Amino acid sequence: MLGNRSWDSWITQYARSHQHPLNQLTHTIGIPMILISFAFMLAGILFRPLLWTGLALFVLGWALQLLGHAIEGKPPEFFSDWRFLLVGSRWWAAKVRGKL
């Protein structure tokens, strides 16, 4: 699935297209919003208001990321390879652990 590349290689490429501090900030906030939104939407199957909360988090998280890319002046990496949708969460984890 990784195309004979290591996670480090994918994250390095992802990080190169996320250099602007505001883009990094919007991704640092937006990525966990999107990830958390899935849990809210799943819970929304049983408790409908959580579905709307999850959808709001999902849309806002993506809006933040697209805003960051507008500031950076580069398209999102997943436009060239869908696997970057998975790499973003690994980049976020490395960023918050101080590995980047």
N, C-alpha and C. Protein backbone atom coordinates (compact mmCIF):
# COMPACT_ATOMS: atom_id res chain seq x y z
N MET A 1 0.81 -1.20 0.00
CA MET A 1 0.00 0.00 0.00
C MET A 1 0.86 1.27 0.00
N LEU A 2 2.04 1.19 0.56
CA LEU A 2 2.90 2.36 0.62
C LEU A 2 3.77 2.53 -0.63
N GLY A 3 3.62 1.64 -1.61
CA GLY A 3 4.38 1.79 -2.84
C GLY A 3 5.87 1.64 -2.67
N ASN A 4 6.29 0.67 -1.86
CA ASN A 4 7.71 0.42 -1.60
C ASN A 4 8.44 1.63 -1.03
N ARG A 5 7.71 2.46 -0.29
CA ARG A 5 8.30 3.62 0.38
C ARG A 5 8.03 3.49 1.87
N SER A 6 8.94 4.04 2.65
CA SER A 6 8.75 4.04 4.10
C SER A 6 7.80 5.17 4.49
N TRP A 7 7.23 5.04 5.71
CA TRP A 7 6.41 6.13 6.23
C TRP A 7 7.22 7.42 6.29
N ASP A 8 8.49 7.30 6.69
CA ASP A 8 9.34 8.49 6.79
C ASP A 8 9.47 9.20 5.45
N SER A 9 9.58 8.43 4.37
CA SER A 9 9.68 9.02 3.04
C SER A 9 8.40 9.77 2.67
N TRP A 10 7.26 9.16 2.96
CA TRP A 10 5.98 9.82 2.68
C TRP A 10 5.83 11.10 3.51
N ILE A 11 6.17 11.01 4.79
CA ILE A 11 6.02 12.17 5.67
C ILE A 11 6.97 13.29 5.26
N THR A 12 8.18 12.95 4.83
CA THR A 12 9.13 13.97 4.37
C THR A 12 8.58 14.71 3.16
N GLN A 13 8.02 13.97 2.21
CA GLN A 13 7.44 14.62 1.03
C GLN A 13 6.26 15.49 1.43
N TYR A 14 5.42 14.99 2.33
CA TYR A 14 4.26 15.75 2.81
C TYR A 14 4.73 17.03 3.49
N ALA A 15 5.75 16.92 4.33
CA ALA A 15 6.26 18.08 5.06
C ALA A 15 6.82 19.15 4.12
N ARG A 16 7.42 18.73 3.01
CA ARG A 16 7.97 19.69 2.04
C ARG A 16 6.89 20.58 1.44
N SER A 17 5.67 20.07 1.33
CA SER A 17 4.60 20.88 0.75
C SER A 17 3.78 21.60 1.83
N HIS A 18 4.25 21.54 3.05
CA HIS A 18 3.58 22.20 4.17
C HIS A 18 4.60 23.00 4.97
N GLN A 19 5.23 23.96 4.32
CA GLN A 19 6.30 24.74 4.94
C GLN A 19 5.82 26.01 5.63
N HIS A 20 4.78 26.62 5.11
CA HIS A 20 4.33 27.89 5.67
C HIS A 20 3.76 27.66 7.07
N PRO A 21 4.17 28.46 8.05
CA PRO A 21 3.70 28.26 9.43
C PRO A 21 2.18 28.28 9.58
N LEU A 22 1.49 29.12 8.80
CA LEU A 22 0.03 29.14 8.90
C LEU A 22 -0.60 27.89 8.30
N ASN A 23 0.02 27.36 7.25
CA ASN A 23 -0.46 26.10 6.69
C ASN A 23 -0.26 24.98 7.71
N GLN A 24 0.88 24.96 8.35
CA GLN A 24 1.13 23.95 9.38
C GLN A 24 0.12 24.08 10.52
N LEU A 25 -0.19 25.32 10.91
CA LEU A 25 -1.16 25.54 11.98
C LEU A 25 -2.55 25.05 11.59
N THR A 26 -2.99 25.39 10.37
CA THR A 26 -4.32 24.97 9.95
C THR A 26 -4.41 23.45 9.87
N HIS A 27 -3.32 22.80 9.48
CA HIS A 27 -3.31 21.33 9.43
C HIS A 27 -3.23 20.73 10.83
N THR A 28 -2.48 21.36 11.71
CA THR A 28 -2.36 20.87 13.08
C THR A 28 -3.71 20.90 13.79
N ILE A 29 -4.56 21.83 13.43
CA ILE A 29 -5.90 21.91 14.00
C ILE A 29 -6.90 21.09 13.18
N GLY A 30 -6.82 21.21 11.85
CA GLY A 30 -7.81 20.59 10.97
C GLY A 30 -7.75 19.07 10.92
N ILE A 31 -6.57 18.49 10.92
CA ILE A 31 -6.45 17.03 10.82
C ILE A 31 -7.12 16.33 12.00
N PRO A 32 -6.85 16.71 13.25
CA PRO A 32 -7.55 16.02 14.34
C PRO A 32 -9.06 16.28 14.32
N MET A 33 -9.48 17.45 13.84
CA MET A 33 -10.92 17.70 13.72
C MET A 33 -11.56 16.68 12.79
N ILE A 34 -10.92 16.42 11.67
CA ILE A 34 -11.45 15.46 10.71
C ILE A 34 -11.46 14.06 11.32
N LEU A 35 -10.38 13.68 11.98
CA LEU A 35 -10.31 12.34 12.58
C LEU A 35 -11.38 12.16 13.66
N ILE A 36 -11.55 13.16 14.51
CA ILE A 36 -12.56 13.08 15.56
C ILE A 36 -13.97 13.07 14.98
N SER A 37 -14.14 13.74 13.84
CA SER A 37 -15.46 13.81 13.23
C SER A 37 -16.01 12.42 12.89
N PHE A 38 -15.12 11.49 12.54
CA PHE A 38 -15.58 10.13 12.19
C PHE A 38 -16.22 9.45 13.40
N ALA A 39 -15.63 9.62 14.56
CA ALA A 39 -16.21 9.03 15.78
C ALA A 39 -17.57 9.65 16.09
N PHE A 40 -17.67 10.97 15.92
CA PHE A 40 -18.95 11.64 16.16
C PHE A 40 -20.01 11.17 15.17
N MET A 41 -19.63 11.04 13.90
CA MET A 41 -20.62 10.60 12.90
C MET A 41 -21.05 9.16 13.15
N LEU A 42 -20.13 8.32 13.57
CA LEU A 42 -20.49 6.94 13.89
C LEU A 42 -21.43 6.90 15.09
N ALA A 43 -21.12 7.68 16.12
CA ALA A 43 -22.00 7.75 17.29
C ALA A 43 -23.34 8.38 16.92
N GLY A 44 -23.35 9.19 15.87
CA GLY A 44 -24.57 9.83 15.42
C GLY A 44 -25.60 8.87 14.88
N ILE A 45 -25.18 7.64 14.60
CA ILE A 45 -26.14 6.62 14.19
C ILE A 45 -27.14 6.37 15.31
N LEU A 46 -26.65 6.42 16.54
CA LEU A 46 -27.52 6.18 17.70
C LEU A 46 -28.08 7.46 18.30
N PHE A 47 -27.30 8.52 18.24
CA PHE A 47 -27.72 9.78 18.85
C PHE A 47 -27.55 10.89 17.82
N ARG A 48 -28.63 11.22 17.13
CA ARG A 48 -28.62 12.09 15.95
C ARG A 48 -27.85 13.41 16.11
N PRO A 49 -27.95 14.12 17.24
CA PRO A 49 -27.19 15.39 17.33
C PRO A 49 -25.68 15.22 17.13
N LEU A 50 -25.14 14.07 17.49
CA LEU A 50 -23.71 13.85 17.30
C LEU A 50 -23.35 13.76 15.82
N LEU A 51 -24.30 13.31 15.01
CA LEU A 51 -24.06 13.25 13.57
C LEU A 51 -23.80 14.66 13.03
N TRP A 52 -24.62 15.61 13.46
CA TRP A 52 -24.45 16.99 13.00
C TRP A 52 -23.16 17.60 13.52
N THR A 53 -22.80 17.26 14.74
CA THR A 53 -21.53 17.74 15.29
C THR A 53 -20.37 17.17 14.47
N GLY A 54 -20.45 15.89 14.16
CA GLY A 54 -19.41 15.26 13.35
C GLY A 54 -19.30 15.87 11.97
N LEU A 55 -20.42 16.11 11.33
CA LEU A 55 -20.39 16.74 10.01
C LEU A 55 -19.80 18.14 10.07
N ALA A 56 -20.14 18.88 11.11
CA ALA A 56 -19.59 20.24 11.27
C ALA A 56 -18.07 20.18 11.47
N LEU A 57 -17.60 19.26 12.29
CA LEU A 57 -16.16 19.12 12.50
C LEU A 57 -15.45 18.73 11.20
N PHE A 58 -16.06 17.82 10.45
CA PHE A 58 -15.48 17.36 9.19
C PHE A 58 -15.33 18.52 8.21
N VAL A 59 -16.41 19.28 8.03
CA VAL A 59 -16.39 20.40 7.08
C VAL A 59 -15.41 21.48 7.53
N LEU A 60 -15.44 21.82 8.81
CA LEU A 60 -14.54 22.85 9.32
C LEU A 60 -13.08 22.40 9.23
N GLY A 61 -12.81 21.14 9.54
CA GLY A 61 -11.45 20.62 9.44
C GLY A 61 -10.91 20.72 8.02
N TRP A 62 -11.74 20.34 7.03
CA TRP A 62 -11.31 20.44 5.63
C TRP A 62 -11.18 21.90 5.20
N ALA A 63 -12.07 22.75 5.67
CA ALA A 63 -11.97 24.17 5.32
C ALA A 63 -10.65 24.75 5.82
N LEU A 64 -10.25 24.38 7.04
CA LEU A 64 -8.97 24.85 7.57
C LEU A 64 -7.81 24.37 6.71
N GLN A 65 -7.85 23.12 6.30
CA GLN A 65 -6.76 22.59 5.48
C GLN A 65 -6.70 23.28 4.12
N LEU A 66 -7.85 23.49 3.50
CA LEU A 66 -7.86 24.16 2.20
C LEU A 66 -7.40 25.61 2.34
N LEU A 67 -7.77 26.27 3.44
CA LEU A 67 -7.27 27.61 3.70
C LEU A 67 -5.75 27.60 3.81
N GLY A 68 -5.22 26.63 4.52
CA GLY A 68 -3.76 26.50 4.65
C GLY A 68 -3.08 26.33 3.31
N HIS A 69 -3.68 25.54 2.43
CA HIS A 69 -3.08 25.35 1.10
C HIS A 69 -3.19 26.61 0.25
N ALA A 70 -4.25 27.38 0.43
CA ALA A 70 -4.35 28.66 -0.27
C ALA A 70 -3.24 29.59 0.19
N ILE A 71 -2.96 29.60 1.48
CA ILE A 71 -1.87 30.42 2.02
C ILE A 71 -0.53 29.92 1.50
N GLU A 72 -0.33 28.61 1.50
CA GLU A 72 0.92 28.00 1.03
C GLU A 72 1.11 28.21 -0.47
N GLY A 73 0.00 28.26 -1.20
CA GLY A 73 0.08 28.40 -2.65
C GLY A 73 0.36 27.09 -3.37
N LYS A 74 0.04 25.97 -2.71
CA LYS A 74 0.25 24.65 -3.30
C LYS A 74 -1.00 23.81 -3.11
N PRO A 75 -1.29 22.96 -4.08
CA PRO A 75 -2.46 22.09 -3.92
C PRO A 75 -2.18 21.01 -2.88
N PRO A 76 -3.24 20.44 -2.30
CA PRO A 76 -3.03 19.33 -1.36
C PRO A 76 -2.33 18.16 -2.06
N GLU A 77 -1.47 17.49 -1.34
CA GLU A 77 -0.72 16.36 -1.88
C GLU A 77 -1.63 15.22 -2.36
N PHE A 78 -2.80 15.05 -1.71
CA PHE A 78 -3.65 13.93 -2.10
C PHE A 78 -4.24 14.13 -3.50
N PHE A 79 -4.12 15.33 -4.08
CA PHE A 79 -4.53 15.51 -5.47
C PHE A 79 -3.66 14.68 -6.40
N SER A 80 -2.41 14.44 -6.01
CA SER A 80 -1.50 13.65 -6.84
C SER A 80 -1.47 12.18 -6.44
N ASP A 81 -1.79 11.87 -5.18
CA ASP A 81 -1.78 10.48 -4.71
C ASP A 81 -2.69 10.38 -3.48
N TRP A 82 -3.73 9.57 -3.58
CA TRP A 82 -4.73 9.44 -2.52
C TRP A 82 -4.11 9.01 -1.19
N ARG A 83 -2.96 8.34 -1.23
CA ARG A 83 -2.35 7.85 0.00
C ARG A 83 -1.95 8.97 0.95
N PHE A 84 -1.81 10.18 0.41
CA PHE A 84 -1.48 11.31 1.28
C PHE A 84 -2.62 11.63 2.25
N LEU A 85 -3.82 11.13 1.97
CA LEU A 85 -4.91 11.27 2.94
C LEU A 85 -4.56 10.53 4.24
N LEU A 86 -3.84 9.44 4.12
CA LEU A 86 -3.39 8.68 5.30
C LEU A 86 -2.13 9.28 5.90
N VAL A 87 -1.27 9.80 5.06
CA VAL A 87 0.00 10.37 5.52
C VAL A 87 -0.22 11.59 6.39
N GLY A 88 -1.26 12.36 6.10
CA GLY A 88 -1.53 13.57 6.87
C GLY A 88 -1.65 13.29 8.36
N SER A 89 -2.33 12.20 8.72
CA SER A 89 -2.48 11.90 10.15
C SER A 89 -1.14 11.48 10.76
N ARG A 90 -0.30 10.80 10.00
CA ARG A 90 1.03 10.45 10.50
C ARG A 90 1.91 11.70 10.65
N TRP A 91 1.77 12.63 9.70
CA TRP A 91 2.51 13.90 9.79
C TRP A 91 2.07 14.64 11.05
N TRP A 92 0.76 14.69 11.29
CA TRP A 92 0.22 15.38 12.47
C TRP A 92 0.79 14.76 13.74
N ALA A 93 0.80 13.42 13.83
CA ALA A 93 1.32 12.75 15.02
C ALA A 93 2.79 13.08 15.23
N ALA A 94 3.57 13.08 14.15
CA ALA A 94 4.99 13.43 14.27
C ALA A 94 5.14 14.89 14.69
N LYS A 95 4.31 15.76 14.16
CA LYS A 95 4.38 17.19 14.48
C LYS A 95 4.10 17.44 15.97
N VAL A 96 3.04 16.84 16.48
CA VAL A 96 2.69 17.10 17.89
C VAL A 96 3.66 16.40 18.85
N ARG A 97 4.35 15.37 18.40
CA ARG A 97 5.37 14.72 19.24
C ARG A 97 6.72 15.43 19.13
N GLY A 98 6.80 16.47 18.28
CA GLY A 98 8.05 17.21 18.13
C GLY A 98 9.07 16.50 17.27
N LYS A 99 8.63 15.59 16.41
CA LYS A 99 9.53 14.84 15.54
C LYS A 99 9.81 15.57 14.23
N LEU A 100 9.09 16.66 13.96
CA LEU A 100 9.31 17.43 12.72
C LEU A 100 9.85 18.80 13.06
